[in-house]
């Protein structure tokens, strides 16, 4: 089975974030970056499927020069080759334009299965994977917690609301968005790190992908990023435990309206 995994490099979870001068995103000059957490689980699931079924794992990312580090980490963990979509025209793309560029690259790779993380840790839109599936005209499913490979099909377990799960069968080719916690991601070994240096890493711009700049115009635009104003207050409730419990229940029901 040939698989493609889409990765995104995002600010590290413990990074101190500061807004840029026009408050449209965070400053990137003093922030460390890492692979998006759900994408790490997607990569691990692809590597496990490869170990069971055989085949190839191709990793793909869209981003500036620094994003190549995410691909090198994936190659060190066991991916076979990488595709880096790197071009000035790819700056500030929304989910739709990003999916369009990824779809063009994936068509060149011709995989049987595409895995993405459920959503990105930085913007949290959870749109790219499903838009990508629509552009490829492939079947897709989201919030995947388990994958069982069958003959030209997959049996997958989806997470639903309220602690419920759903098993469905989906034919190949397909796109799946992977939920964090589906597996336990591996670390890169020294052997893997050394082997990654000899694995192919292909760089592609919009011309190599057969795209035009007009098709990459974003449909969404972030106009402002800001910290929500503080509006909370503390109110002390005094009295006996019974009196405090009664007053608290009254406030939760009639003021906060959460019960």
C-alpha atoms as a PDB file:
ATOM      1  CA  UNK A   1       0.000   0.000   0.000  1.00  0.00           C
ATOM      2  CA  UNK A   2       1.316   3.403  -0.958  1.00  0.00           C
ATOM      3  CA  UNK A   3       0.505   6.122   1.570  1.00  0.00           C
ATOM      4  CA  UNK A   4       0.943   9.877   1.731  1.00  0.00           C
ATOM      5  CA  UNK A   5       1.008  11.763   5.029  1.00  0.00           C
ATOM      6  CA  UNK A   6       0.429  15.519   5.166  1.00  0.00           C
ATOM      7  CA  UNK A   7       2.440  17.287   7.856  1.00  0.00           C
ATOM      8  CA  UNK A   8       2.333  20.853   9.122  1.00  0.00           C
ATOM      9  CA  UNK A   9       4.983  22.660  11.113  1.00  0.00           C
ATOM     10  CA  UNK A  10       3.454  24.774  13.891  1.00  0.00           C
ATOM     11  CA  UNK A  11       4.778  26.833  16.828  1.00  0.00           C
ATOM     12  CA  UNK A  12       5.950  24.631  19.680  1.00  0.00           C
ATOM     13  CA  UNK A  13       3.336  24.002  22.364  1.00  0.00           C
ATOM     14  CA  UNK A  14       5.520  25.585  25.060  1.00  0.00           C
ATOM     15  CA  UNK A  15       6.508  28.607  22.946  1.00  0.00           C
ATOM     16  CA  UNK A  16       5.832  32.125  24.194  1.00  0.00           C
ATOM     17  CA  UNK A  17       3.692  33.693  21.459  1.00  0.00           C
ATOM     18  CA  UNK A  18       3.805  37.377  20.555  1.00  0.00           C
ATOM     19  CA  UNK A  19       1.708  39.101  17.904  1.00  0.00           C
ATOM     20  CA  UNK A  20       3.296  40.580  14.811  1.00  0.00           C
ATOM     21  CA  UNK A  21       3.165  44.316  14.061  1.00  0.00           C
ATOM     22  CA  UNK A  22      -0.244  44.261  12.330  1.00  0.00           C
ATOM     23  CA  UNK A  23      -1.813  41.722  14.743  1.00  0.00           C
ATOM     24  CA  UNK A  24      -2.663  39.233  12.001  1.00  0.00           C
ATOM     25  CA  UNK A  25      -0.572  36.330  13.375  1.00  0.00           C
ATOM     26  CA  UNK A  26       2.213  35.543  15.802  1.00  0.00           C
ATOM     27  CA  UNK A  27       5.808  36.612  15.318  1.00  0.00           C
ATOM     28  CA  UNK A  28       7.828  33.753  13.862  1.00  0.00           C
ATOM     29  CA  UNK A  29      11.332  35.178  14.237  1.00  0.00           C
ATOM     30  CA  UNK A  30      11.661  34.235  17.913  1.00  0.00           C
ATOM     31  CA  UNK A  31       9.506  31.083  18.063  1.00  0.00           C
ATOM     32  CA  UNK A  32      10.593  27.446  17.868  1.00  0.00           C
ATOM     33  CA  UNK A  33       8.588  25.101  15.639  1.00  0.00           C
ATOM     34  CA  UNK A  34       7.612  21.428  15.697  1.00  0.00           C
ATOM     35  CA  UNK A  35       5.426  18.958  13.801  1.00  0.00           C
ATOM     36  CA  UNK A  36       1.725  19.410  14.464  1.00  0.00           C
ATOM     37  CA  UNK A  37       0.752  16.841  17.128  1.00  0.00           C
ATOM     38  CA  UNK A  38      -2.167  15.134  15.298  1.00  0.00           C
ATOM     39  CA  UNK A  39       0.077  14.831  12.219  1.00  0.00           C
ATOM     40  CA  UNK A  40       2.630  12.912  14.298  1.00  0.00           C
ATOM     41  CA  UNK A  41      -0.049  10.318  15.048  1.00  0.00           C
ATOM     42  CA  UNK A  42      -1.000  10.207  11.354  1.00  0.00           C
ATOM     43  CA  UNK A  43       2.638   9.524  10.430  1.00  0.00           C
ATOM     44  CA  UNK A  44       2.931   6.781  13.037  1.00  0.00           C
ATOM     45  CA  UNK A  45      -0.244   5.109  11.766  1.00  0.00           C
ATOM     46  CA  UNK A  46       1.108   5.139   8.208  1.00  0.00           C
ATOM     47  CA  UNK A  47       4.400   3.615   9.343  1.00  0.00           C
ATOM     48  CA  UNK A  48       2.527   0.845  11.199  1.00  0.00           C
ATOM     49  CA  UNK A  49       0.386   0.090   8.150  1.00  0.00           C
ATOM     50  CA  UNK A  50       3.556  -0.087   6.060  1.00  0.00           C
ATOM     51  CA  UNK A  51       5.097  -2.566   8.516  1.00  0.00           C
ATOM     52  CA  UNK A  52       1.981  -4.762   8.320  1.00  0.00           C
ATOM     53  CA  UNK A  53       1.035  -4.396   4.652  1.00  0.00           C
ATOM     54  CA  UNK A  54       4.275  -3.308   2.977  1.00  0.00           C
ATOM     55  CA  UNK A  55       4.467  -0.398   0.592  1.00  0.00           C
ATOM     56  CA  UNK A  56       5.755   3.157   0.765  1.00  0.00           C
ATOM     57  CA  UNK A  57       5.193   6.229   2.944  1.00  0.00           C
ATOM     58  CA  UNK A  58       5.541   9.644   1.321  1.00  0.00           C
ATOM     59  CA  UNK A  59       5.429  12.715   3.561  1.00  0.00           C
ATOM     60  CA  UNK A  60       4.350  16.093   2.251  1.00  0.00           C
ATOM     61  CA  UNK A  61       4.345  19.579   3.727  1.00  0.00           C
ATOM     62  CA  UNK A  62       3.632  23.104   2.541  1.00  0.00           C
ATOM     63  CA  UNK A  63       5.619  25.877   4.131  1.00  0.00           C
ATOM     64  CA  UNK A  64       8.779  27.991   4.174  1.00  0.00           C
ATOM     65  CA  UNK A  65      12.342  26.716   4.288  1.00  0.00           C
ATOM     66  CA  UNK A  66      12.128  25.848   7.991  1.00  0.00           C
ATOM     67  CA  UNK A  67       9.311  23.351   7.263  1.00  0.00           C
ATOM     68  CA  UNK A  68      11.856  21.021   5.667  1.00  0.00           C
ATOM     69  CA  UNK A  69      12.905  20.065   9.206  1.00  0.00           C
ATOM     70  CA  UNK A  70       9.512  18.437   9.754  1.00  0.00           C
ATOM     71  CA  UNK A  71      10.088  16.286   6.666  1.00  0.00           C
ATOM     72  CA  UNK A  72      13.574  15.305   7.809  1.00  0.00           C
ATOM     73  CA  UNK A  73      12.162  14.180  11.157  1.00  0.00           C
ATOM     74  CA  UNK A  74       9.543  12.086   9.362  1.00  0.00           C
ATOM     75  CA  UNK A  75      12.190  10.518   7.125  1.00  0.00           C
ATOM     76  CA  UNK A  76      14.265   9.690  10.218  1.00  0.00           C
ATOM     77  CA  UNK A  77      11.278   7.894  11.730  1.00  0.00           C
ATOM     78  CA  UNK A  78      10.847   5.681   8.672  1.00  0.00           C
ATOM     79  CA  UNK A  79       9.133   7.553   5.836  1.00  0.00           C
ATOM     80  CA  UNK A  80      10.592   6.691   2.424  1.00  0.00           C
ATOM     81  CA  UNK A  81      10.606  10.065   0.662  1.00  0.00           C
ATOM     82  CA  UNK A  82       9.384  13.616   1.072  1.00  0.00           C
ATOM     83  CA  UNK A  83       7.769  16.410  -0.921  1.00  0.00           C
ATOM     84  CA  UNK A  84       8.249  20.030   0.170  1.00  0.00           C
ATOM     85  CA  UNK A  85       5.843  22.536  -1.366  1.00  0.00           C
ATOM     86  CA  UNK A  86       7.931  25.678  -1.082  1.00  0.00           C
ATOM     87  CA  UNK A  87       7.244  28.820  -3.091  1.00  0.00           C
ATOM     88  CA  UNK A  88       6.638  32.534  -2.351  1.00  0.00           C
ATOM     89  CA  UNK A  89       3.151  32.059  -3.830  1.00  0.00           C
ATOM     90  CA  UNK A  90       2.348  29.633  -0.989  1.00  0.00           C
ATOM     91  CA  UNK A  91       2.553  32.284   1.742  1.00  0.00           C
ATOM     92  CA  UNK A  92      -0.598  33.035   3.753  1.00  0.00           C
ATOM     93  CA  UNK A  93      -2.748  30.388   2.073  1.00  0.00           C
ATOM     94  CA  UNK A  94      -6.064  29.432   3.625  1.00  0.00           C
ATOM     95  CA  UNK A  95      -7.258  25.824   4.026  1.00  0.00           C
ATOM     96  CA  UNK A  96      -8.842  25.777   0.560  1.00  0.00           C
ATOM     97  CA  UNK A  97      -5.740  26.953  -1.308  1.00  0.00           C
ATOM     98  CA  UNK A  98      -3.488  24.757   0.831  1.00  0.00           C
ATOM     99  CA  UNK A  99      -5.629  21.714  -0.028  1.00  0.00           C
ATOM    100  CA  UNK A 100      -5.472  22.630  -3.721  1.00  0.00           C
ATOM    101  CA  UNK A 101      -1.665  22.673  -3.650  1.00  0.00           C
ATOM    102  CA  UNK A 102      -1.479  19.453  -1.622  1.00  0.00           C
ATOM    103  CA  UNK A 103      -3.919  17.738  -3.997  1.00  0.00           C
ATOM    104  CA  UNK A 104      -1.693  18.586  -6.971  1.00  0.00           C
ATOM    105  CA  UNK A 105       1.333  17.095  -5.186  1.00  0.00           C
ATOM    106  CA  UNK A 106      -0.566  13.984  -4.084  1.00  0.00           C
ATOM    107  CA  UNK A 107      -1.763  13.332  -7.620  1.00  0.00           C
ATOM    108  CA  UNK A 108       1.905  13.193  -8.634  1.00  0.00           C
ATOM    109  CA  UNK A 109       2.697  10.782  -5.786  1.00  0.00           C
ATOM    110  CA  UNK A 110      -0.350   8.609  -6.675  1.00  0.00           C
ATOM    111  CA  UNK A 111      -0.918   7.004  -3.238  1.00  0.00           C
ATOM    112  CA  UNK A 112      -3.690   4.606  -2.249  1.00  0.00           C
ATOM    113  CA  UNK A 113      -4.283   6.331   1.072  1.00  0.00           C
ATOM    114  CA  UNK A 114      -3.748   9.858   2.423  1.00  0.00           C
ATOM    115  CA  UNK A 115      -3.517  10.499   6.160  1.00  0.00           C
ATOM    116  CA  UNK A 116      -3.660  13.912   7.783  1.00  0.00           C
ATOM    117  CA  UNK A 117      -3.989  15.077  11.352  1.00  0.00           C
ATOM    118  CA  UNK A 118      -7.510  15.942  12.482  1.00  0.00           C
ATOM    119  CA  UNK A 119      -6.621  19.618  12.795  1.00  0.00           C
ATOM    120  CA  UNK A 120      -3.692  21.977  13.177  1.00  0.00           C
ATOM    121  CA  UNK A 121      -2.624  23.066  16.651  1.00  0.00           C
ATOM    122  CA  UNK A 122      -2.130  26.672  15.550  1.00  0.00           C
ATOM    123  CA  UNK A 123      -5.356  27.607  13.720  1.00  0.00           C
ATOM    124  CA  UNK A 124      -7.558  24.609  14.598  1.00  0.00           C
ATOM    125  CA  UNK A 125      -9.756  24.886  11.491  1.00  0.00           C
ATOM    126  CA  UNK A 126      -9.900  21.098  10.792  1.00  0.00           C
ATOM    127  CA  UNK A 127     -10.686  21.909   7.150  1.00  0.00           C
ATOM    128  CA  UNK A 128      -7.660  20.971   5.035  1.00  0.00           C
ATOM    129  CA  UNK A 129      -8.059  17.188   5.172  1.00  0.00           C
ATOM    130  CA  UNK A 130     -11.707  17.087   4.118  1.00  0.00           C
ATOM    131  CA  UNK A 131     -11.258  19.760   1.425  1.00  0.00           C
ATOM    132  CA  UNK A 132      -8.312  17.750   0.111  1.00  0.00           C
ATOM    133  CA  UNK A 133     -10.515  14.654  -0.160  1.00  0.00           C
ATOM    134  CA  UNK A 134     -13.141  16.585  -2.107  1.00  0.00           C
ATOM    135  CA  UNK A 135     -10.530  17.950  -4.517  1.00  0.00           C
ATOM    136  CA  UNK A 136      -9.211  14.434  -5.101  1.00  0.00           C
ATOM    137  CA  UNK A 137     -12.807  13.108  -5.387  1.00  0.00           C
ATOM    138  CA  UNK A 138     -11.902  10.348  -2.913  1.00  0.00           C
ATOM    139  CA  UNK A 139     -13.939   8.848  -0.093  1.00  0.00           C
ATOM    140  CA  UNK A 140     -12.939  10.192   3.299  1.00  0.00           C
ATOM    141  CA  UNK A 141     -13.642   9.893   6.988  1.00  0.00           C
ATOM    142  CA  UNK A 142     -12.676  11.983  10.018  1.00  0.00           C
ATOM    143  CA  UNK A 143     -11.670  11.611  13.671  1.00  0.00           C
ATOM    144  CA  UNK A 144     -10.191   8.150  13.113  1.00  0.00           C
ATOM    145  CA  UNK A 145      -9.184   6.137  16.195  1.00  0.00           C
ATOM    146  CA  UNK A 146      -8.335   2.764  14.594  1.00  0.00           C
ATOM    147  CA  UNK A 147      -7.559   1.428  11.114  1.00  0.00           C
ATOM    148  CA  UNK A 148      -7.854  -2.171   9.934  1.00  0.00           C
ATOM    149  CA  UNK A 149      -6.574  -2.823   6.410  1.00  0.00           C
ATOM    150  CA  UNK A 150      -8.611  -5.098   4.129  1.00  0.00           C
ATOM    151  CA  UNK A 151      -8.464  -6.001   0.429  1.00  0.00           C
ATOM    152  CA  UNK A 152      -8.718  -2.650  -1.405  1.00  0.00           C
ATOM    153  CA  UNK A 153     -10.659  -1.229   1.529  1.00  0.00           C
ATOM    154  CA  UNK A 154     -10.245  -0.109   5.126  1.00  0.00           C
ATOM    155  CA  UNK A 155     -12.323  -0.692   8.227  1.00  0.00           C
ATOM    156  CA  UNK A 156     -12.007   2.381  10.430  1.00  0.00           C
ATOM    157  CA  UNK A 157     -13.216   3.393  13.870  1.00  0.00           C
ATOM    158  CA  UNK A 158     -14.500   6.970  14.195  1.00  0.00           C
ATOM    159  CA  UNK A 159     -14.880   8.893  17.433  1.00  0.00           C
ATOM    160  CA  UNK A 160     -18.326  10.442  17.896  1.00  0.00           C
ATOM    161  CA  UNK A 161     -19.750  12.722  20.563  1.00  0.00           C
ATOM    162  CA  UNK A 162     -20.717  11.564  24.023  1.00  0.00           C
ATOM    163  CA  UNK A 163     -18.157   8.736  24.182  1.00  0.00           C
ATOM    164  CA  UNK A 164     -19.648   6.841  21.231  1.00  0.00           C
ATOM    165  CA  UNK A 165     -17.684   5.258  18.357  1.00  0.00           C
ATOM    166  CA  UNK A 166     -18.631   4.155  14.857  1.00  0.00           C
ATOM    167  CA  UNK A 167     -17.101   1.449  12.652  1.00  0.00           C
ATOM    168  CA  UNK A 168     -17.361   1.993   8.905  1.00  0.00           C
ATOM    169  CA  UNK A 169     -15.824   0.444   5.804  1.00  0.00           C
ATOM    170  CA  UNK A 170     -14.282   2.791   3.295  1.00  0.00           C
ATOM    171  CA  UNK A 171     -12.894   1.852  -0.147  1.00  0.00           C
ATOM    172  CA  UNK A 172      -9.484   2.896  -1.424  1.00  0.00           C
ATOM    173  CA  UNK A 173      -8.260   5.364  -2.464  1.00  0.00           C
ATOM    174  CA  UNK A 174      -9.282   7.383   0.568  1.00  0.00           C
ATOM    175  CA  UNK A 175      -8.378  10.283   2.839  1.00  0.00           C
ATOM    176  CA  UNK A 176      -8.498   9.898   6.636  1.00  0.00           C
ATOM    177  CA  UNK A 177      -8.012  12.566   9.308  1.00  0.00           C
ATOM    178  CA  UNK A 178      -6.398  11.044  12.396  1.00  0.00           C
ATOM    179  CA  UNK A 179      -7.275  11.796  16.012  1.00  0.00           C
ATOM    180  CA  UNK A 180      -4.500  12.255  18.565  1.00  0.00           C
ATOM    181  CA  UNK A 181      -4.083   9.210  20.799  1.00  0.00           C
ATOM    182  CA  UNK A 182      -4.722   6.595  18.100  1.00  0.00           C
ATOM    183  CA  UNK A 183      -1.275   5.118  18.800  1.00  0.00           C
ATOM    184  CA  UNK A 184       2.013   5.746  20.566  1.00  0.00           C
ATOM    185  CA  UNK A 185       4.383   7.625  18.227  1.00  0.00           C
ATOM    186  CA  UNK A 186       7.934   6.362  17.924  1.00  0.00           C
ATOM    187  CA  UNK A 187      11.176   8.265  18.312  1.00  0.00           C
ATOM    188  CA  UNK A 188      13.724   8.484  15.539  1.00  0.00           C
ATOM    189  CA  UNK A 189      16.676   6.140  16.035  1.00  0.00           C
ATOM    190  CA  UNK A 190      20.287   7.039  15.277  1.00  0.00           C
ATOM    191  CA  UNK A 191      20.157   4.618  12.352  1.00  0.00           C
ATOM    192  CA  UNK A 192      17.028   6.330  11.073  1.00  0.00           C
ATOM    193  CA  UNK A 193      18.562   9.791  11.402  1.00  0.00           C
ATOM    194  CA  UNK A 194      21.588   8.725   9.377  1.00  0.00           C
ATOM    195  CA  UNK A 195      19.437   6.998   6.754  1.00  0.00           C
ATOM    196  CA  UNK A 196      17.259  10.111   6.364  1.00  0.00           C
ATOM    197  CA  UNK A 197      20.208  11.997   4.892  1.00  0.00           C
ATOM    198  CA  UNK A 198      20.131   9.806   1.780  1.00  0.00           C
ATOM    199  CA  UNK A 199      16.354   9.718   1.251  1.00  0.00           C
ATOM    200  CA  UNK A 200      14.788  11.829  -1.527  1.00  0.00           C
ATOM    201  CA  UNK A 201      13.398  15.234  -0.566  1.00  0.00           C
ATOM    202  CA  UNK A 202      11.702  16.843  -3.561  1.00  0.00           C
ATOM    203  CA  UNK A 203      10.986  20.576  -3.659  1.00  0.00           C
ATOM    204  CA  UNK A 204       8.005  21.730  -5.683  1.00  0.00           C
ATOM    205  CA  UNK A 205       6.716  25.188  -6.581  1.00  0.00           C
ATOM    206  CA  UNK A 206       3.386  26.168  -8.080  1.00  0.00           C
ATOM    207  CA  UNK A 207       4.694  25.731 -11.628  1.00  0.00           C
ATOM    208  CA  UNK A 208       5.935  22.182 -10.984  1.00  0.00           C
ATOM    209  CA  UNK A 209       2.515  21.367  -9.555  1.00  0.00           C
ATOM    210  CA  UNK A 210       0.735  22.633 -12.648  1.00  0.00           C
ATOM    211  CA  UNK A 211      -1.027  25.402 -10.734  1.00  0.00           C
ATOM    212  CA  UNK A 212      -1.575  29.059 -11.477  1.00  0.00           C
ATOM    213  CA  UNK A 213      -1.294  31.863  -8.956  1.00  0.00           C
ATOM    214  CA  UNK A 214      -4.936  32.816  -9.457  1.00  0.00           C
ATOM    215  CA  UNK A 215      -6.073  29.421  -8.121  1.00  0.00           C
ATOM    216  CA  UNK A 216      -4.057  29.987  -4.928  1.00  0.00           C
ATOM    217  CA  UNK A 217      -5.860  33.141  -3.881  1.00  0.00           C
ATOM    218  CA  UNK A 218      -7.268  32.590  -0.378  1.00  0.00           C
ATOM    219  CA  UNK A 219     -10.996  32.488   0.277  1.00  0.00           C
ATOM    220  CA  UNK A 220     -10.515  33.284   3.957  1.00  0.00           C
ATOM    221  CA  UNK A 221      -8.371  35.957   5.580  1.00  0.00           C
ATOM    222  CA  UNK A 222      -7.376  36.525   9.199  1.00  0.00           C
ATOM    223  CA  UNK A 223      -7.838  40.237   9.834  1.00  0.00           C
ATOM    224  CA  UNK A 224      -6.947  40.367  13.519  1.00  0.00           C
ATOM    225  CA  UNK A 225      -5.627  38.138  16.290  1.00  0.00           C
ATOM    226  CA  UNK A 226      -6.074  39.333  19.853  1.00  0.00           C
ATOM    227  CA  UNK A 227      -6.271  38.218  23.444  1.00  0.00           C
ATOM    228  CA  UNK A 228      -9.865  38.152  24.729  1.00  0.00           C
ATOM    229  CA  UNK A 229     -10.508  40.907  27.289  1.00  0.00           C
ATOM    230  CA  UNK A 230     -10.626  39.785  30.882  1.00  0.00           C
ATOM    231  CA  UNK A 231     -14.199  39.924  32.120  1.00  0.00           C
ATOM    232  CA  UNK A 232     -14.301  37.383  34.911  1.00  0.00           C
ATOM    233  CA  UNK A 233     -14.884  38.229  38.563  1.00  0.00           C
ATOM    234  CA  UNK A 234     -14.720  36.393  41.868  1.00  0.00           C
ATOM    235  CA  UNK A 235     -17.602  36.347  44.307  1.00  0.00           C
ATOM    236  CA  UNK A 236     -17.215  34.820  47.754  1.00  0.00           C
ATOM    237  CA  UNK A 237     -20.178  32.934  49.162  1.00  0.00           C
ATOM    238  CA  UNK A 238     -20.356  32.881  52.945  1.00  0.00           C
ATOM    239  CA  UNK A 239     -22.529  30.974  55.360  1.00  0.00           C
ATOM    240  CA  UNK A 240     -23.009  27.362  56.395  1.00  0.00           C
ATOM    241  CA  UNK A 241     -22.219  24.628  53.854  1.00  0.00           C
ATOM    242  CA  UNK A 242     -25.954  24.172  53.216  1.00  0.00           C
ATOM    243  CA  UNK A 243     -26.490  27.919  52.671  1.00  0.00           C
ATOM    244  CA  UNK A 244     -23.460  28.188  50.367  1.00  0.00           C
ATOM    245  CA  UNK A 245     -24.611  25.144  48.348  1.00  0.00           C
ATOM    246  CA  UNK A 246     -28.115  26.581  47.944  1.00  0.00           C
ATOM    247  CA  UNK A 247     -26.835  30.008  46.853  1.00  0.00           C
ATOM    248  CA  UNK A 248     -24.313  28.408  44.452  1.00  0.00           C
ATOM    249  CA  UNK A 249     -26.996  26.234  42.850  1.00  0.00           C
ATOM    250  CA  UNK A 250     -29.251  29.271  42.479  1.00  0.00           C
ATOM    251  CA  UNK A 251     -26.511  31.300  40.763  1.00  0.00           C
ATOM    252  CA  UNK A 252     -25.560  28.439  38.433  1.00  0.00           C
ATOM    253  CA  UNK A 253     -29.190  28.007  37.435  1.00  0.00           C
ATOM    254  CA  UNK A 254     -30.442  31.581  37.220  1.00  0.00           C
ATOM    255  CA  UNK A 255     -27.326  33.685  36.524  1.00  0.00           C
ATOM    256  CA  UNK A 256     -24.826  31.457  34.733  1.00  0.00           C
ATOM    257  CA  UNK A 257     -27.646  29.279  33.287  1.00  0.00           C
ATOM    258  CA  UNK A 258     -25.455  26.190  33.101  1.00  0.00           C
ATOM    259  CA  UNK A 259     -27.825  23.854  34.960  1.00  0.00           C
END
